[in-house]
Amino acid sequence: MKTVLGKNTKMNTCAESWELSGVSGNISVVANGFLKNNNLQELIEVYMGDLVGDKVYERFGIEFPVLIKFIDARDNLSIQVHPDDQMAARRHNAYGKTEMWYVMESGKDSSLIVGFNQKMDREKYVQALRDKKLKDIMNFEKVSSGDMFFIPAGRIHAIGKDILLAEIQQTSDVTYRIYDWDRIDAKGKPRELHTELALDAIDYTLHDQYKTRYQKPTQETAKLIKCQYFTTNLVCLDRPMEKDYSGLESFVVYICTSGACSIGWGAVENMNIKKGDTVLLPAILDSIRIIPTEATEILEVYI
């Protein structure tokens, strides 16, 4: 977080940065400009569709609908699953969690877990859990920079050690922890698991392919993930680019994953961003220009 992404934190251990959040109790605050120190919810209350887009405002009101994170895993993180909207509403009065990962850096032998490696059903899963053979039925994927994974609600998953990634998800903090590698805390106690809650939430379907396949573009935008909760594209450029958002009717989030550039709009306005920066572009902006100072990659997120 400090050395690669330039995060200003005094924490000795910092594994997660919530870059743009509308989660209650952790709502993002404007960093600069005349709205500095106003939080995101206050801005939506005032600017409504001009900020998030009219259709987005009608659907979500003053709750910002996506949560953007950076995650730095120095060790294997717990195996988890998230409920869908219906289950989360019934159990927790919350949204479910569909998400995606974009790997920014990884160790030589880094891998993550997504889905199962064999045909699965509830009974077979429970037996593996009882026999302490959960790892044997998990699908491990070796990863490298640029790899992308879509994780709909219900898909079992875990981030592996030595992986730095960007995570884009629904605004939800509902997680069912399945397995935590038998770790114990300073008091000798294991972390809480949500075994029973997870059983009904898991999608036991086996898929042939879990990694999102795409061709990294040159001086253009590659379409990567499109679902009802968010669309994510990859913008790669080494010279100026114009982006037209006039027909989008949504906010746009830029997550700079490599390089540096300036974003310009209107006659003279511009803002500099670099690797590790996340910016929110209001829906009222019809067009912008991106001027890179070096080869730059940006994740582009909207609804």
C-alpha atoms as a PDB file:
ATOM      1  CA  MET A   1       0.000   0.000   0.000  1.00  0.00           C
ATOM      2  CA  LYS A   2       2.793   2.437   0.894  1.00  0.00           C
ATOM      3  CA  THR A   3       5.587   1.531  -1.498  1.00  0.00           C
ATOM      4  CA  VAL A   4       3.664   0.593  -4.658  1.00  0.00           C
ATOM      5  CA  LEU A   5       0.407   2.524  -4.373  1.00  0.00           C
ATOM      6  CA  GLY A   6       1.695   5.489  -2.347  1.00  0.00           C
ATOM      7  CA  LYS A   7      -0.953   5.319   0.381  1.00  0.00           C
ATOM      8  CA  ASN A   8      -0.413   7.745   3.249  1.00  0.00           C
ATOM      9  CA  THR A   9      -0.938   5.513   6.260  1.00  0.00           C
ATOM     10  CA  LYS A  10       0.799   5.178   9.621  1.00  0.00           C
ATOM     11  CA  MET A  11      -0.401   1.601  10.044  1.00  0.00           C
ATOM     12  CA  ASN A  12       2.412  -0.929  10.300  1.00  0.00           C
ATOM     13  CA  THR A  13       0.263  -3.507   8.555  1.00  0.00           C
ATOM     14  CA  CYS A  14      -2.180  -2.295   5.920  1.00  0.00           C
ATOM     15  CA  ALA A  15      -3.733  -4.997   3.753  1.00  0.00           C
ATOM     16  CA  GLU A  16      -6.813  -3.220   2.422  1.00  0.00           C
ATOM     17  CA  SER A  17      -7.652   0.262   1.160  1.00  0.00           C
ATOM     18  CA  TRP A  18     -11.260   1.276   0.545  1.00  0.00           C
ATOM     19  CA  GLU A  19     -10.759   3.716  -2.314  1.00  0.00           C
ATOM     20  CA  LEU A  20     -14.358   4.688  -2.981  1.00  0.00           C
ATOM     21  CA  SER A  21     -17.028   3.652  -0.527  1.00  0.00           C
ATOM     22  CA  GLY A  22     -20.668   4.311   0.231  1.00  0.00           C
ATOM     23  CA  VAL A  23     -20.773   1.700   3.009  1.00  0.00           C
ATOM     24  CA  SER A  24     -22.407   3.099   6.138  1.00  0.00           C
ATOM     25  CA  GLY A  25     -19.756   4.104   8.661  1.00  0.00           C
ATOM     26  CA  ASN A  26     -17.042   4.118   5.989  1.00  0.00           C
ATOM     27  CA  ILE A  27     -18.246   6.705   3.476  1.00  0.00           C
ATOM     28  CA  SER A  28     -15.601   8.326   1.280  1.00  0.00           C
ATOM     29  CA  VAL A  29     -14.755  12.004   1.706  1.00  0.00           C
ATOM     30  CA  VAL A  30     -13.838  14.416  -1.093  1.00  0.00           C
ATOM     31  CA  ALA A  31     -10.064  14.973  -1.160  1.00  0.00           C
ATOM     32  CA  ASN A  32      -9.782  18.279  -3.027  1.00  0.00           C
ATOM     33  CA  GLY A  33     -11.591  21.154  -4.715  1.00  0.00           C
ATOM     34  CA  PHE A  34     -14.389  23.355  -3.398  1.00  0.00           C
ATOM     35  CA  LEU A  35     -16.289  20.300  -2.083  1.00  0.00           C
ATOM     36  CA  LYS A  36     -13.331  19.077  -0.019  1.00  0.00           C
ATOM     37  CA  ASN A  37     -14.310  17.298   3.231  1.00  0.00           C
ATOM     38  CA  ASN A  38     -17.902  16.645   2.102  1.00  0.00           C
ATOM     39  CA  ASN A  39     -18.717  12.954   2.088  1.00  0.00           C
ATOM     40  CA  LEU A  40     -20.022  11.005  -0.882  1.00  0.00           C
ATOM     41  CA  GLN A  41     -23.531  10.584   0.506  1.00  0.00           C
ATOM     42  CA  GLU A  42     -23.851  14.338   1.077  1.00  0.00           C
ATOM     43  CA  LEU A  43     -22.851  14.935  -2.537  1.00  0.00           C
ATOM     44  CA  ILE A  44     -25.454  12.488  -3.861  1.00  0.00           C
ATOM     45  CA  GLU A  45     -28.143  14.140  -1.713  1.00  0.00           C
ATOM     46  CA  VAL A  46     -27.342  17.505  -3.328  1.00  0.00           C
ATOM     47  CA  TYR A  47     -26.413  16.610  -6.902  1.00  0.00           C
ATOM     48  CA  MET A  48     -28.455  13.405  -7.339  1.00  0.00           C
ATOM     49  CA  GLY A  49     -28.509  12.340 -11.013  1.00  0.00           C
ATOM     50  CA  ASP A  50     -25.929  14.938 -12.018  1.00  0.00           C
ATOM     51  CA  LEU A  51     -23.412  12.997  -9.947  1.00  0.00           C
ATOM     52  CA  VAL A  52     -24.418   9.345 -10.320  1.00  0.00           C
ATOM     53  CA  GLY A  53     -26.792   9.433 -13.305  1.00  0.00           C
ATOM     54  CA  ASP A  54     -30.591   9.678 -13.254  1.00  0.00           C
ATOM     55  CA  LYS A  55     -31.246   5.942 -13.684  1.00  0.00           C
ATOM     56  CA  VAL A  56     -28.640   5.061 -11.070  1.00  0.00           C
ATOM     57  CA  TYR A  57     -30.192   7.540  -8.629  1.00  0.00           C
ATOM     58  CA  GLU A  58     -33.673   6.115  -9.229  1.00  0.00           C
ATOM     59  CA  ARG A  59     -32.346   2.621  -8.504  1.00  0.00           C
ATOM     60  CA  PHE A  60     -30.051   3.252  -5.515  1.00  0.00           C
ATOM     61  CA  GLY A  61     -31.019   6.642  -4.066  1.00  0.00           C
ATOM     62  CA  ILE A  62     -28.275   8.228  -1.962  1.00  0.00           C
ATOM     63  CA  GLU A  63     -26.356   4.948  -1.501  1.00  0.00           C
ATOM     64  CA  PHE A  64     -23.356   4.791  -3.828  1.00  0.00           C
ATOM     65  CA  PRO A  65     -23.712   1.390  -5.540  1.00  0.00           C
ATOM     66  CA  VAL A  66     -20.110   0.175  -5.954  1.00  0.00           C
ATOM     67  CA  LEU A  67     -17.221  -0.296  -3.543  1.00  0.00           C
ATOM     68  CA  ILE A  68     -13.664   0.017  -4.881  1.00  0.00           C
ATOM     69  CA  LYS A  69     -10.756  -1.544  -2.972  1.00  0.00           C
ATOM     70  CA  PHE A  70      -7.080  -2.348  -3.205  1.00  0.00           C
ATOM     71  CA  ILE A  71      -6.073  -5.550  -1.398  1.00  0.00           C
ATOM     72  CA  ASP A  72      -2.482  -6.554  -0.564  1.00  0.00           C
ATOM     73  CA  ALA A  73      -2.312 -10.175   0.604  1.00  0.00           C
ATOM     74  CA  ARG A  74       0.974 -11.112   2.248  1.00  0.00           C
ATOM     75  CA  ASP A  75      -0.506 -14.462   3.257  1.00  0.00           C
ATOM     76  CA  ASN A  76      -3.387 -16.630   2.043  1.00  0.00           C
ATOM     77  CA  LEU A  77      -6.655 -14.928   2.922  1.00  0.00           C
ATOM     78  CA  SER A  78      -9.678 -16.859   4.171  1.00  0.00           C
ATOM     79  CA  ILE A  79     -11.906 -18.853   1.824  1.00  0.00           C
ATOM     80  CA  GLN A  80     -15.206 -17.016   1.519  1.00  0.00           C
ATOM     81  CA  VAL A  81     -18.548 -16.853  -0.222  1.00  0.00           C
ATOM     82  CA  HIS A  82     -21.083 -14.029  -0.479  1.00  0.00           C
ATOM     83  CA  PRO A  83     -24.898 -14.262  -0.609  1.00  0.00           C
ATOM     84  CA  ASP A  84     -26.926 -12.890  -3.506  1.00  0.00           C
ATOM     85  CA  ASP A  85     -29.310  -9.947  -3.191  1.00  0.00           C
ATOM     86  CA  GLN A  86     -32.332 -11.995  -2.182  1.00  0.00           C
ATOM     87  CA  MET A  87     -30.546 -13.924   0.565  1.00  0.00           C
ATOM     88  CA  ALA A  88     -28.696 -10.856   1.863  1.00  0.00           C
ATOM     89  CA  ALA A  89     -31.928  -8.867   2.014  1.00  0.00           C
ATOM     90  CA  ARG A  90     -33.716 -11.657   3.869  1.00  0.00           C
ATOM     91  CA  ARG A  91     -30.913 -12.371   6.341  1.00  0.00           C
ATOM     92  CA  HIS A  92     -29.129  -9.040   6.765  1.00  0.00           C
ATOM     93  CA  ASN A  93     -31.295  -6.295   5.217  1.00  0.00           C
ATOM     94  CA  ALA A  94     -28.394  -5.618   2.860  1.00  0.00           C
ATOM     95  CA  TYR A  95     -27.316  -6.048  -0.741  1.00  0.00           C
ATOM     96  CA  GLY A  96     -25.551  -9.214  -1.822  1.00  0.00           C
ATOM     97  CA  LYS A  97     -22.017  -9.115  -3.153  1.00  0.00           C
ATOM     98  CA  THR A  98     -20.963  -9.756  -6.713  1.00  0.00           C
ATOM     99  CA  GLU A  99     -17.377  -8.679  -7.323  1.00  0.00           C
ATOM    100  CA  MET A 100     -14.347  -8.910  -9.584  1.00  0.00           C
ATOM    101  CA  TRP A 101     -10.568  -8.903  -9.180  1.00  0.00           C
ATOM    102  CA  TYR A 102      -7.875  -7.335 -11.341  1.00  0.00           C
ATOM    103  CA  VAL A 103      -4.396  -8.573 -10.399  1.00  0.00           C
ATOM    104  CA  MET A 104      -1.843  -5.742 -10.342  1.00  0.00           C
ATOM    105  CA  GLU A 105       1.182  -7.623  -8.980  1.00  0.00           C
ATOM    106  CA  SER A 106       1.878 -11.171  -7.835  1.00  0.00           C
ATOM    107  CA  GLY A 107       4.666 -13.379  -6.561  1.00  0.00           C
ATOM    108  CA  LYS A 108       6.376 -15.943  -8.762  1.00  0.00           C
ATOM    109  CA  ASP A 109       4.178 -18.810  -7.540  1.00  0.00           C
ATOM    110  CA  SER A 110       1.114 -16.876  -6.404  1.00  0.00           C
ATOM    111  CA  SER A 111      -2.300 -18.422  -6.841  1.00  0.00           C
ATOM    112  CA  LEU A 112      -5.858 -17.733  -5.772  1.00  0.00           C
ATOM    113  CA  ILE A 113      -8.987 -19.818  -5.310  1.00  0.00           C
ATOM    114  CA  VAL A 114     -12.103 -19.399  -7.407  1.00  0.00           C
ATOM    115  CA  GLY A 115     -14.797 -22.062  -7.717  1.00  0.00           C
ATOM    116  CA  PHE A 116     -14.458 -25.849  -7.543  1.00  0.00           C
ATOM    117  CA  ASN A 117     -12.133 -28.221  -9.418  1.00  0.00           C
ATOM    118  CA  GLN A 118     -14.704 -31.037  -9.781  1.00  0.00           C
ATOM    119  CA  LYS A 119     -18.433 -31.647  -9.953  1.00  0.00           C
ATOM    120  CA  MET A 120     -19.891 -30.635  -6.634  1.00  0.00           C
ATOM    121  CA  ASP A 121     -23.100 -30.680  -4.649  1.00  0.00           C
ATOM    122  CA  ARG A 122     -24.036 -29.771  -1.094  1.00  0.00           C
ATOM    123  CA  GLU A 123     -23.555 -33.289   0.317  1.00  0.00           C
ATOM    124  CA  LYS A 124     -20.140 -33.757  -1.300  1.00  0.00           C
ATOM    125  CA  TYR A 125     -19.039 -30.337  -0.071  1.00  0.00           C
ATOM    126  CA  VAL A 126     -20.165 -31.040   3.505  1.00  0.00           C
ATOM    127  CA  GLN A 127     -18.267 -34.335   3.473  1.00  0.00           C
ATOM    128  CA  ALA A 128     -15.062 -32.602   2.347  1.00  0.00           C
ATOM    129  CA  LEU A 129     -15.568 -30.076   5.118  1.00  0.00           C
ATOM    130  CA  ARG A 130     -15.979 -32.816   7.730  1.00  0.00           C
ATOM    131  CA  ASP A 131     -12.940 -34.702   6.422  1.00  0.00           C
ATOM    132  CA  LYS A 132     -10.838 -31.519   6.484  1.00  0.00           C
ATOM    133  CA  LYS A 133     -10.231 -31.907   2.746  1.00  0.00           C
ATOM    134  CA  LEU A 134     -11.707 -28.608   1.612  1.00  0.00           C
ATOM    135  CA  LYS A 135      -8.487 -27.649  -0.194  1.00  0.00           C
ATOM    136  CA  ASP A 136      -8.740 -30.800  -2.312  1.00  0.00           C
ATOM    137  CA  ILE A 137     -11.954 -29.644  -4.001  1.00  0.00           C
ATOM    138  CA  MET A 138     -10.983 -25.991  -4.524  1.00  0.00           C
ATOM    139  CA  ASN A 139      -9.919 -24.634  -7.926  1.00  0.00           C
ATOM    140  CA  PHE A 140      -6.485 -22.984  -7.563  1.00  0.00           C
ATOM    141  CA  GLU A 141      -5.468 -20.556 -10.323  1.00  0.00           C
ATOM    142  CA  LYS A 142      -1.874 -19.394 -10.802  1.00  0.00           C
ATOM    143  CA  VAL A 143      -1.914 -15.672 -11.471  1.00  0.00           C
ATOM    144  CA  SER A 144       0.180 -12.893 -12.943  1.00  0.00           C
ATOM    145  CA  SER A 145      -0.240  -9.173 -13.518  1.00  0.00           C
ATOM    146  CA  GLY A 146      -3.285  -8.349 -15.627  1.00  0.00           C
ATOM    147  CA  ASP A 147      -5.296 -11.449 -14.762  1.00  0.00           C
ATOM    148  CA  MET A 148      -8.974 -10.829 -14.140  1.00  0.00           C
ATOM    149  CA  PHE A 149     -11.652 -12.866 -12.378  1.00  0.00           C
ATOM    150  CA  PHE A 150     -15.401 -12.294 -12.159  1.00  0.00           C
ATOM    151  CA  ILE A 151     -16.896 -13.587  -8.906  1.00  0.00           C
ATOM    152  CA  PRO A 152     -20.703 -13.560  -8.860  1.00  0.00           C
ATOM    153  CA  ALA A 153     -22.480 -13.995  -5.539  1.00  0.00           C
ATOM    154  CA  GLY A 154     -22.343 -17.637  -4.524  1.00  0.00           C
ATOM    155  CA  ARG A 155     -18.941 -18.441  -6.042  1.00  0.00           C
ATOM    156  CA  ILE A 156     -16.416 -19.654  -3.484  1.00  0.00           C
ATOM    157  CA  HIS A 157     -13.107 -17.723  -3.553  1.00  0.00           C
ATOM    158  CA  ALA A 158      -9.929 -16.645  -1.736  1.00  0.00           C
ATOM    159  CA  ILE A 159      -6.976 -14.367  -2.476  1.00  0.00           C
ATOM    160  CA  GLY A 160      -3.571 -16.043  -2.232  1.00  0.00           C
ATOM    161  CA  LYS A 161      -0.342 -14.761  -0.716  1.00  0.00           C
ATOM    162  CA  ASP A 162       1.808 -12.121  -2.418  1.00  0.00           C
ATOM    163  CA  ILE A 163      -1.030 -10.774  -4.573  1.00  0.00           C
ATOM    164  CA  LEU A 164      -1.864  -7.086  -4.968  1.00  0.00           C
ATOM    165  CA  LEU A 165      -5.189  -6.505  -6.689  1.00  0.00           C
ATOM    166  CA  ALA A 166      -7.997  -4.069  -7.330  1.00  0.00           C
ATOM    167  CA  GLU A 167     -11.461  -5.247  -6.285  1.00  0.00           C
ATOM    168  CA  ILE A 168     -14.719  -3.875  -7.654  1.00  0.00           C
ATOM    169  CA  GLN A 169     -17.915  -4.997  -5.935  1.00  0.00           C
ATOM    170  CA  GLN A 170     -21.445  -4.174  -4.960  1.00  0.00           C
ATOM    171  CA  THR A 171     -21.786  -1.898  -1.965  1.00  0.00           C
ATOM    172  CA  SER A 172     -22.035  -4.617   0.653  1.00  0.00           C
ATOM    173  CA  ASP A 173     -19.956  -5.843   3.569  1.00  0.00           C
ATOM    174  CA  VAL A 174     -21.685  -9.225   3.960  1.00  0.00           C
ATOM    175  CA  THR A 175     -19.162 -12.085   3.927  1.00  0.00           C
ATOM    176  CA  TYR A 176     -19.403 -15.731   4.962  1.00  0.00           C
ATOM    177  CA  ARG A 177     -16.007 -17.074   6.033  1.00  0.00           C
ATOM    178  CA  ILE A 178     -15.662 -20.789   5.270  1.00  0.00           C
ATOM    179  CA  TYR A 179     -12.070 -21.629   6.154  1.00  0.00           C
ATOM    180  CA  ASP A 180      -9.141 -19.633   7.574  1.00  0.00           C
ATOM    181  CA  TRP A 181      -6.228 -22.075   7.212  1.00  0.00           C
ATOM    182  CA  ASP A 182      -6.446 -23.099  10.896  1.00  0.00           C
ATOM    183  CA  ARG A 183      -4.991 -19.782  12.041  1.00  0.00           C
ATOM    184  CA  ILE A 184      -5.377 -18.543  15.609  1.00  0.00           C
ATOM    185  CA  ASP A 185      -5.158 -15.025  17.008  1.00  0.00           C
ATOM    186  CA  ALA A 186      -2.924 -13.639  19.761  1.00  0.00           C
ATOM    187  CA  LYS A 187      -5.314 -15.099  22.354  1.00  0.00           C
ATOM    188  CA  GLY A 188      -5.130 -18.569  20.819  1.00  0.00           C
ATOM    189  CA  LYS A 189      -8.610 -18.415  19.315  1.00  0.00           C
ATOM    190  CA  PRO A 190      -9.583 -19.127  15.681  1.00  0.00           C
ATOM    191  CA  ARG A 191     -11.542 -16.580  13.651  1.00  0.00           C
ATOM    192  CA  GLU A 192     -15.295 -17.001  13.460  1.00  0.00           C
ATOM    193  CA  LEU A 193     -16.520 -19.194  10.614  1.00  0.00           C
ATOM    194  CA  HIS A 194     -19.968 -19.047   9.014  1.00  0.00           C
ATOM    195  CA  THR A 195     -20.276 -22.678   7.955  1.00  0.00           C
ATOM    196  CA  GLU A 196     -24.049 -23.076   8.150  1.00  0.00           C
ATOM    197  CA  LEU A 197     -24.847 -19.694   6.594  1.00  0.00           C
ATOM    198  CA  ALA A 198     -22.521 -20.496   3.690  1.00  0.00           C
ATOM    199  CA  LEU A 199     -24.169 -23.820   2.792  1.00  0.00           C
ATOM    200  CA  ASP A 200     -27.246 -22.189   1.260  1.00  0.00           C
ATOM    201  CA  ALA A 201     -25.250 -19.356  -0.305  1.00  0.00           C
ATOM    202  CA  ILE A 202     -22.745 -21.466  -2.276  1.00  0.00           C
ATOM    203  CA  ASP A 203     -23.246 -22.033  -5.996  1.00  0.00           C
ATOM    204  CA  TYR A 204     -21.978 -25.596  -6.444  1.00  0.00           C
ATOM    205  CA  THR A 205     -21.829 -25.362 -10.257  1.00  0.00           C
ATOM    206  CA  LEU A 206     -18.561 -26.442 -11.890  1.00  0.00           C
ATOM    207  CA  HIS A 207     -17.332 -24.128 -14.669  1.00  0.00           C
ATOM    208  CA  ASP A 208     -14.816 -24.877 -17.412  1.00  0.00           C
ATOM    209  CA  GLN A 209     -13.234 -21.445 -17.175  1.00  0.00           C
ATOM    210  CA  TYR A 210     -12.982 -18.985 -14.286  1.00  0.00           C
ATOM    211  CA  LYS A 211     -10.437 -16.480 -15.564  1.00  0.00           C
ATOM    212  CA  THR A 212     -11.738 -13.692 -17.804  1.00  0.00           C
ATOM    213  CA  ARG A 213     -10.003 -13.931 -21.179  1.00  0.00           C
ATOM    214  CA  TYR A 214      -9.236 -10.698 -22.996  1.00  0.00           C
ATOM    215  CA  GLN A 215      -6.680  -9.072 -25.277  1.00  0.00           C
ATOM    216  CA  LYS A 216      -4.891  -6.146 -23.657  1.00  0.00           C
ATOM    217  CA  PRO A 217      -5.606  -3.173 -25.925  1.00  0.00           C
ATOM    218  CA  THR A 218      -3.249  -0.556 -27.325  1.00  0.00           C
ATOM    219  CA  GLN A 219      -4.567   3.001 -27.395  1.00  0.00           C
ATOM    220  CA  GLU A 220      -8.151   1.857 -26.941  1.00  0.00           C
ATOM    221  CA  THR A 221     -10.643   0.442 -24.448  1.00  0.00           C
ATOM    222  CA  ALA A 222     -11.163  -3.301 -23.903  1.00  0.00           C
ATOM    223  CA  LYS A 223     -14.548  -4.455 -22.624  1.00  0.00           C
ATOM    224  CA  LEU A 224     -13.977  -6.878 -19.739  1.00  0.00           C
ATOM    225  CA  ILE A 225     -16.901  -7.410 -17.354  1.00  0.00           C
ATOM    226  CA  LYS A 226     -20.545  -6.456 -17.776  1.00  0.00           C
ATOM    227  CA  CYS A 227     -23.204  -7.397 -15.236  1.00  0.00           C
ATOM    228  CA  GLN A 228     -26.230  -5.705 -13.696  1.00  0.00           C
ATOM    229  CA  TYR A 229     -24.100  -4.316 -10.859  1.00  0.00           C
ATOM    230  CA  PHE A 230     -21.165  -2.815 -12.756  1.00  0.00           C
ATOM    231  CA  THR A 231     -19.348  -2.681 -16.067  1.00  0.00           C
ATOM    232  CA  THR A 232     -15.552  -2.716 -16.049  1.00  0.00           C
ATOM    233  CA  ASN A 233     -13.297  -1.917 -18.999  1.00  0.00           C
ATOM    234  CA  LEU A 234      -9.530  -1.558 -19.359  1.00  0.00           C
ATOM    235  CA  VAL A 235      -8.156   1.611 -20.937  1.00  0.00           C
ATOM    236  CA  CYS A 236      -4.541   1.416 -22.161  1.00  0.00           C
ATOM    237  CA  LEU A 237      -2.879   4.456 -23.693  1.00  0.00           C
ATOM    238  CA  ASP A 238       0.499   6.069 -24.342  1.00  0.00           C
ATOM    239  CA  ARG A 239      -0.793   9.197 -26.094  1.00  0.00           C
ATOM    240  CA  PRO A 240      -3.811  11.499 -25.563  1.00  0.00           C
ATOM    241  CA  MET A 241      -7.293   9.991 -25.779  1.00  0.00           C
ATOM    242  CA  GLU A 242     -10.786  11.493 -25.844  1.00  0.00           C
ATOM    243  CA  LYS A 243     -13.594   9.688 -24.038  1.00  0.00           C
ATOM    244  CA  ASP A 244     -17.249  10.404 -24.865  1.00  0.00           C
ATOM    245  CA  TYR A 245     -19.687   9.638 -22.039  1.00  0.00           C
ATOM    246  CA  SER A 246     -22.633  11.657 -23.356  1.00  0.00           C
ATOM    247  CA  GLY A 247     -24.975   8.662 -23.689  1.00  0.00           C
ATOM    248  CA  LEU A 248     -23.872   6.725 -20.617  1.00  0.00           C
ATOM    249  CA  GLU A 249     -26.175   8.125 -17.898  1.00  0.00           C
ATOM    250  CA  SER A 250     -23.839   6.925 -15.130  1.00  0.00           C
ATOM    251  CA  PHE A 251     -20.946   8.077 -12.999  1.00  0.00           C
ATOM    252  CA  VAL A 252     -17.548   6.739 -14.099  1.00  0.00           C
ATOM    253  CA  VAL A 253     -14.782   5.576 -11.761  1.00  0.00           C
ATOM    254  CA  TYR A 254     -11.160   5.556 -12.901  1.00  0.00           C
ATOM    255  CA  ILE A 255      -8.715   3.287 -11.090  1.00  0.00           C
ATOM    256  CA  CYS A 256      -5.155   3.914 -12.252  1.00  0.00           C
ATOM    257  CA  THR A 257      -3.342   0.557 -12.128  1.00  0.00           C
ATOM    258  CA  SER A 258      -0.195   1.589 -13.989  1.00  0.00           C
ATOM    259  CA  GLY A 259       1.513   4.779 -15.174  1.00  0.00           C
ATOM    260  CA  ALA A 260       0.346   8.375 -14.760  1.00  0.00           C
ATOM    261  CA  CYS A 261      -1.789  10.862 -16.654  1.00  0.00           C
ATOM    262  CA  SER A 262      -3.864  13.997 -16.428  1.00  0.00           C
ATOM    263  CA  ILE A 263      -7.629  14.064 -16.873  1.00  0.00           C
ATOM    264  CA  GLY A 264      -9.017  17.178 -18.519  1.00  0.00           C
ATOM    265  CA  TRP A 265     -12.530  18.538 -19.029  1.00  0.00           C
ATOM    266  CA  GLY A 266     -13.959  21.850 -20.117  1.00  0.00           C
ATOM    267  CA  ALA A 267     -11.618  24.575 -21.289  1.00  0.00           C
ATOM    268  CA  VAL A 268      -8.871  24.522 -18.664  1.00  0.00           C
ATOM    269  CA  GLU A 269      -9.728  22.051 -15.895  1.00  0.00           C
ATOM    270  CA  ASN A 270      -7.434  19.067 -15.392  1.00  0.00           C
ATOM    271  CA  MET A 271      -6.314  16.733 -12.625  1.00  0.00           C
ATOM    272  CA  ASN A 272      -3.208  14.559 -12.343  1.00  0.00           C
ATOM    273  CA  ILE A 273      -3.488  10.924 -11.290  1.00  0.00           C
ATOM    274  CA  LYS A 274      -0.960   8.114 -10.957  1.00  0.00           C
ATOM    275  CA  LYS A 275      -0.819   4.412 -10.161  1.00  0.00           C
ATOM    276  CA  GLY A 276      -2.859   3.788  -7.011  1.00  0.00           C
ATOM    277  CA  ASP A 277      -5.238   6.738  -7.487  1.00  0.00           C
ATOM    278  CA  THR A 278      -9.008   6.359  -7.805  1.00  0.00           C
ATOM    279  CA  VAL A 279     -11.219   9.192  -9.067  1.00  0.00           C
ATOM    280  CA  LEU A 280     -14.966   9.639  -9.464  1.00  0.00           C
ATOM    281  CA  LEU A 281     -16.194  11.378 -12.620  1.00  0.00           C
ATOM    282  CA  PRO A 282     -19.745  12.758 -12.284  1.00  0.00           C
ATOM    283  CA  ALA A 283     -22.394  11.689 -14.774  1.00  0.00           C
ATOM    284  CA  ILE A 284     -22.877  15.284 -15.913  1.00  0.00           C
ATOM    285  CA  LEU A 285     -19.477  15.206 -17.658  1.00  0.00           C
ATOM    286  CA  ASP A 286     -20.171  14.448 -21.320  1.00  0.00           C
ATOM    287  CA  SER A 287     -16.554  14.054 -22.355  1.00  0.00           C
ATOM    288  CA  ILE A 288     -13.028  14.120 -21.000  1.00  0.00           C
ATOM    289  CA  ARG A 289      -9.509  13.880 -22.338  1.00  0.00           C
ATOM    290  CA  ILE A 290      -6.785  11.693 -20.898  1.00  0.00           C
ATOM    291  CA  ILE A 291      -3.194  12.822 -21.422  1.00  0.00           C
ATOM    292  CA  PRO A 292      -0.634  10.229 -20.298  1.00  0.00           C
ATOM    293  CA  THR A 293       2.857  11.199 -19.163  1.00  0.00           C
ATOM    294  CA  GLU A 294       3.907   7.549 -19.668  1.00  0.00           C
ATOM    295  CA  ALA A 295       2.248   4.309 -20.725  1.00  0.00           C
ATOM    296  CA  THR A 296      -0.866   4.159 -18.557  1.00  0.00           C
ATOM    297  CA  GLU A 297      -3.555   1.615 -17.709  1.00  0.00           C
ATOM    298  CA  ILE A 298      -6.897   2.544 -16.148  1.00  0.00           C
ATOM    299  CA  LEU A 299      -9.825   0.424 -15.031  1.00  0.00           C
ATOM    300  CA  GLU A 300     -13.021   2.192 -16.116  1.00  0.00           C
ATOM    301  CA  VAL A 301     -16.096   1.352 -14.020  1.00  0.00           C
ATOM    302  CA  TYR A 302     -19.713   2.425 -14.421  1.00  0.00           C
ATOM    303  CA  ILE A 303     -23.267   1.076 -14.291  1.00  0.00           C
END
